[in-house]
């Protein structure tokens, strides 16, 4: 009898406490929920004086929806949640907006030791010659992705992983930042807890 009680107590401790278990895997962000913000200067520095991000021009769909949209040729935008194959990506067009930061709350909790995957893509980087672009992602007070891309450069992915050094609750503020001068396009494909 005592042996069964000890086994039951041991199982309860392993299942009930779960302090060493990671978070549920899945998406950490929803690319339709990013909203432009002025926050993040402590991570990305102050925007250049000439940085501009005008509102959409032309015949544009409603971008404040919770679904991706197809951008018609008659619409000129600086960013949009765009339908691309099986993904909804956040597309940023730096010809229109060369310094921009977005904000949203994380969708799930993260525990110490969780691995976070960040997947981005950029099209051919052409201007300015001998320039540098920056893609960054923060979670709370942590910079979890900070990539510098030399220009010119052919199209390609820029991916990364980050291991959480502390716990973060669901709803923790996240910032995604793009800094680039010239006519280039960047995609935030997904951010996942693995």
Protein backbone atom coordinates (compact mmCIF):
# COMPACT_ATOMS: atom_id res chain seq x y z
CA UNK A 1 0.00 0.00 0.00
CA UNK A 2 2.74 2.45 0.97
CA UNK A 3 4.59 1.69 -2.31
CA UNK A 4 1.51 2.54 -4.41
CA UNK A 5 1.05 5.81 -2.54
CA UNK A 6 4.68 6.73 -3.21
CA UNK A 7 4.30 5.96 -6.94
CA UNK A 8 1.05 7.95 -7.11
CA UNK A 9 2.70 10.88 -5.32
CA UNK A 10 5.66 10.73 -7.69
CA UNK A 11 3.40 10.73 -10.77
CA UNK A 12 1.39 13.63 -9.34
CA UNK A 13 4.58 15.63 -8.78
CA UNK A 14 5.86 15.00 -12.31
CA UNK A 15 2.53 15.69 -14.02
CA UNK A 16 1.17 18.31 -11.65
CA UNK A 17 4.19 20.54 -11.23
CA UNK A 18 5.48 20.57 -14.81
CA UNK A 19 7.98 23.34 -14.03
CA UNK A 20 10.57 21.89 -16.36
CA UNK A 21 8.14 21.47 -19.26
CA UNK A 22 8.32 23.90 -22.14
CA UNK A 23 5.49 25.90 -23.64
CA UNK A 24 3.01 24.56 -26.15
CA UNK A 25 4.56 24.77 -29.62
CA UNK A 26 2.91 27.00 -32.19
CA UNK A 27 2.77 30.56 -33.52
CA UNK A 28 3.95 33.37 -31.28
CA UNK A 29 2.53 36.12 -33.54
CA UNK A 30 -0.35 36.67 -35.95
CA UNK A 31 0.88 38.62 -38.98
CA UNK A 32 -2.55 40.26 -39.39
CA UNK A 33 -2.26 41.83 -35.93
CA UNK A 34 0.89 43.94 -36.31
CA UNK A 35 0.21 47.67 -35.83
CA UNK A 36 2.60 50.52 -36.50
CA UNK A 37 4.13 52.07 -33.38
CA UNK A 38 6.69 54.68 -32.34
CA UNK A 39 7.99 52.42 -29.54
CA UNK A 40 11.39 50.73 -29.57
CA UNK A 41 13.90 53.56 -29.59
CA UNK A 42 15.80 51.82 -26.75
CA UNK A 43 16.37 48.86 -29.10
CA UNK A 44 16.63 50.43 -32.56
CA UNK A 45 17.77 53.99 -31.90
CA UNK A 46 15.98 57.14 -32.98
CA UNK A 47 14.50 57.21 -36.48
CA UNK A 48 16.28 59.39 -39.01
CA UNK A 49 14.80 62.87 -39.39
CA UNK A 50 13.80 62.11 -43.00
CA UNK A 51 12.11 58.76 -42.21
CA UNK A 52 8.60 58.65 -43.65
CA UNK A 53 5.75 56.13 -43.71
CA UNK A 54 2.80 57.62 -45.56
CA UNK A 55 -0.68 56.08 -45.38
CA UNK A 56 -1.86 53.84 -48.24
CA UNK A 57 -2.50 55.63 -51.57
CA UNK A 58 -4.81 54.62 -54.41
CA UNK A 59 -7.44 51.89 -54.51
CA UNK A 60 -6.48 49.83 -51.45
CA UNK A 61 -8.38 47.14 -49.54
CA UNK A 62 -9.16 47.49 -45.83
CA UNK A 63 -5.90 46.56 -44.11
CA UNK A 64 -7.40 46.60 -40.60
CA UNK A 65 -8.93 43.15 -41.07
CA UNK A 66 -7.90 39.92 -39.42
CA UNK A 67 -7.14 38.25 -42.75
CA UNK A 68 -4.48 38.60 -45.37
CA UNK A 69 -5.19 40.64 -48.47
CA UNK A 70 -4.04 40.67 -52.07
CA UNK A 71 -2.63 44.10 -52.89
CA UNK A 72 -3.83 45.38 -56.29
CA UNK A 73 -1.43 47.22 -58.59
CA UNK A 74 -3.47 50.41 -58.04
CA UNK A 75 -2.55 50.46 -54.33
CA UNK A 76 0.68 51.88 -52.90
CA UNK A 77 1.36 50.76 -49.32
CA UNK A 78 4.29 50.67 -46.92
CA UNK A 79 3.21 47.39 -45.28
CA UNK A 80 0.44 44.80 -45.44
CA UNK A 81 -0.50 41.34 -44.16
CA UNK A 82 -0.31 39.58 -47.51
CA UNK A 83 -1.49 36.16 -48.70
CA UNK A 84 1.53 34.21 -49.94
CA UNK A 85 1.09 30.51 -50.69
CA UNK A 86 0.07 28.82 -47.42
CA UNK A 87 1.31 31.72 -45.27
CA UNK A 88 0.05 35.09 -44.19
CA UNK A 89 3.19 37.23 -44.20
CA UNK A 90 3.86 40.78 -43.09
CA UNK A 91 5.26 42.52 -46.18
CA UNK A 92 7.21 45.75 -45.73
CA UNK A 93 8.01 47.91 -48.78
CA UNK A 94 10.92 50.20 -48.00
CA UNK A 95 10.51 52.27 -51.17
CA UNK A 96 7.48 53.72 -49.38
CA UNK A 97 8.61 53.40 -45.75
CA UNK A 98 12.29 53.07 -44.87
CA UNK A 99 12.12 52.99 -41.03
CA UNK A 100 9.18 51.29 -39.36
CA UNK A 101 8.35 49.45 -36.17
CA UNK A 102 5.31 47.27 -35.48
CA UNK A 103 3.83 46.06 -32.20
CA UNK A 104 1.61 43.22 -31.02
CA UNK A 105 1.18 41.05 -27.93
CA UNK A 106 2.62 37.53 -27.93
CA UNK A 107 0.04 34.79 -28.47
CA UNK A 108 1.39 32.28 -25.96
CA UNK A 109 3.53 31.93 -22.86
CA UNK A 110 7.23 31.12 -23.18
CA UNK A 111 9.23 29.25 -20.58
CA UNK A 112 12.96 29.33 -19.89
CA UNK A 113 14.69 27.07 -22.40
CA UNK A 114 11.98 27.32 -25.09
CA UNK A 115 13.34 27.65 -28.62
CA UNK A 116 11.84 30.37 -30.79
CA UNK A 117 12.15 30.21 -34.58
CA UNK A 118 12.07 33.44 -36.64
CA UNK A 119 11.63 33.14 -40.42
CA UNK A 120 12.04 36.14 -42.73
CA UNK A 121 12.75 36.66 -46.41
CA UNK A 122 14.01 39.57 -48.47
CA UNK A 123 13.82 40.11 -52.19
CA UNK A 124 16.89 41.31 -54.09
CA UNK A 125 18.43 44.20 -52.17
CA UNK A 126 19.58 46.83 -54.65
CA UNK A 127 19.65 50.31 -53.15
CA UNK A 128 21.52 52.09 -51.74
CA UNK A 129 24.77 50.57 -52.95
CA UNK A 130 27.08 49.70 -50.05
CA UNK A 131 24.19 50.16 -47.61
CA UNK A 132 22.92 48.11 -44.73
CA UNK A 133 19.44 46.93 -43.78
CA UNK A 134 18.27 45.80 -40.37
CA UNK A 135 15.54 43.36 -39.33
CA UNK A 136 14.89 43.05 -35.60
CA UNK A 137 12.39 41.40 -33.28
CA UNK A 138 11.96 41.95 -29.55
CA UNK A 139 10.03 40.11 -26.87
CA UNK A 140 9.47 42.17 -23.74
CA UNK A 141 12.89 43.50 -22.74
CA UNK A 142 14.84 41.04 -24.91
CA UNK A 143 16.18 41.43 -28.45
CA UNK A 144 15.54 37.97 -29.90
CA UNK A 145 16.49 38.58 -33.55
CA UNK A 146 18.75 41.31 -34.94
CA UNK A 147 20.04 40.80 -38.46
CA UNK A 148 22.13 43.26 -40.47
CA UNK A 149 22.06 42.72 -44.23
CA UNK A 150 24.64 44.22 -46.57
CA UNK A 151 23.31 45.82 -49.74
CA UNK A 152 23.47 44.80 -52.58
CA UNK A 153 22.48 41.18 -51.98
CA UNK A 154 20.45 38.56 -53.89
CA UNK A 155 17.03 37.42 -52.66
CA UNK A 156 17.02 34.96 -49.80
CA UNK A 157 15.83 33.91 -46.37
CA UNK A 158 17.16 35.36 -43.14
CA UNK A 159 16.18 33.00 -40.36
CA UNK A 160 17.18 32.57 -36.75
CA UNK A 161 16.46 30.81 -33.50
CA UNK A 162 16.56 32.12 -29.96
CA UNK A 163 16.54 30.24 -26.65
CA UNK A 164 14.49 31.92 -23.90
CA UNK A 165 16.57 32.82 -20.86
CA UNK A 166 13.52 33.52 -18.71
CA UNK A 167 9.74 33.07 -18.67
CA UNK A 168 7.39 35.37 -20.60
CA UNK A 169 3.62 35.42 -20.15
CA UNK A 170 1.21 35.37 -23.07
CA UNK A 171 0.46 38.98 -23.98
CA UNK A 172 4.07 40.16 -23.63
CA UNK A 173 4.71 43.11 -26.00
CA UNK A 174 6.64 42.29 -29.15
CA UNK A 175 8.21 44.68 -31.66
CA UNK A 176 9.25 43.99 -35.26
CA UNK A 177 11.51 46.59 -36.86
CA UNK A 178 12.71 47.20 -40.42
CA UNK A 179 15.31 49.84 -41.28
CA UNK A 180 16.45 50.23 -44.89
CA UNK A 181 16.84 53.01 -47.42
CA UNK A 182 15.90 52.29 -51.00
CA UNK A 183 13.47 50.16 -52.96
CA UNK A 184 13.46 46.78 -51.19
CA UNK A 185 10.88 44.35 -49.81
CA UNK A 186 11.02 42.30 -46.62
CA UNK A 187 8.71 39.56 -45.37
CA UNK A 188 8.15 38.38 -41.81
CA UNK A 189 6.95 34.84 -42.54
CA UNK A 190 6.47 33.42 -39.05
CA UNK A 191 7.63 33.38 -35.44
CA UNK A 192 7.05 30.06 -33.68
CA UNK A 193 7.66 28.37 -30.36
CA UNK A 194 9.26 25.05 -31.35
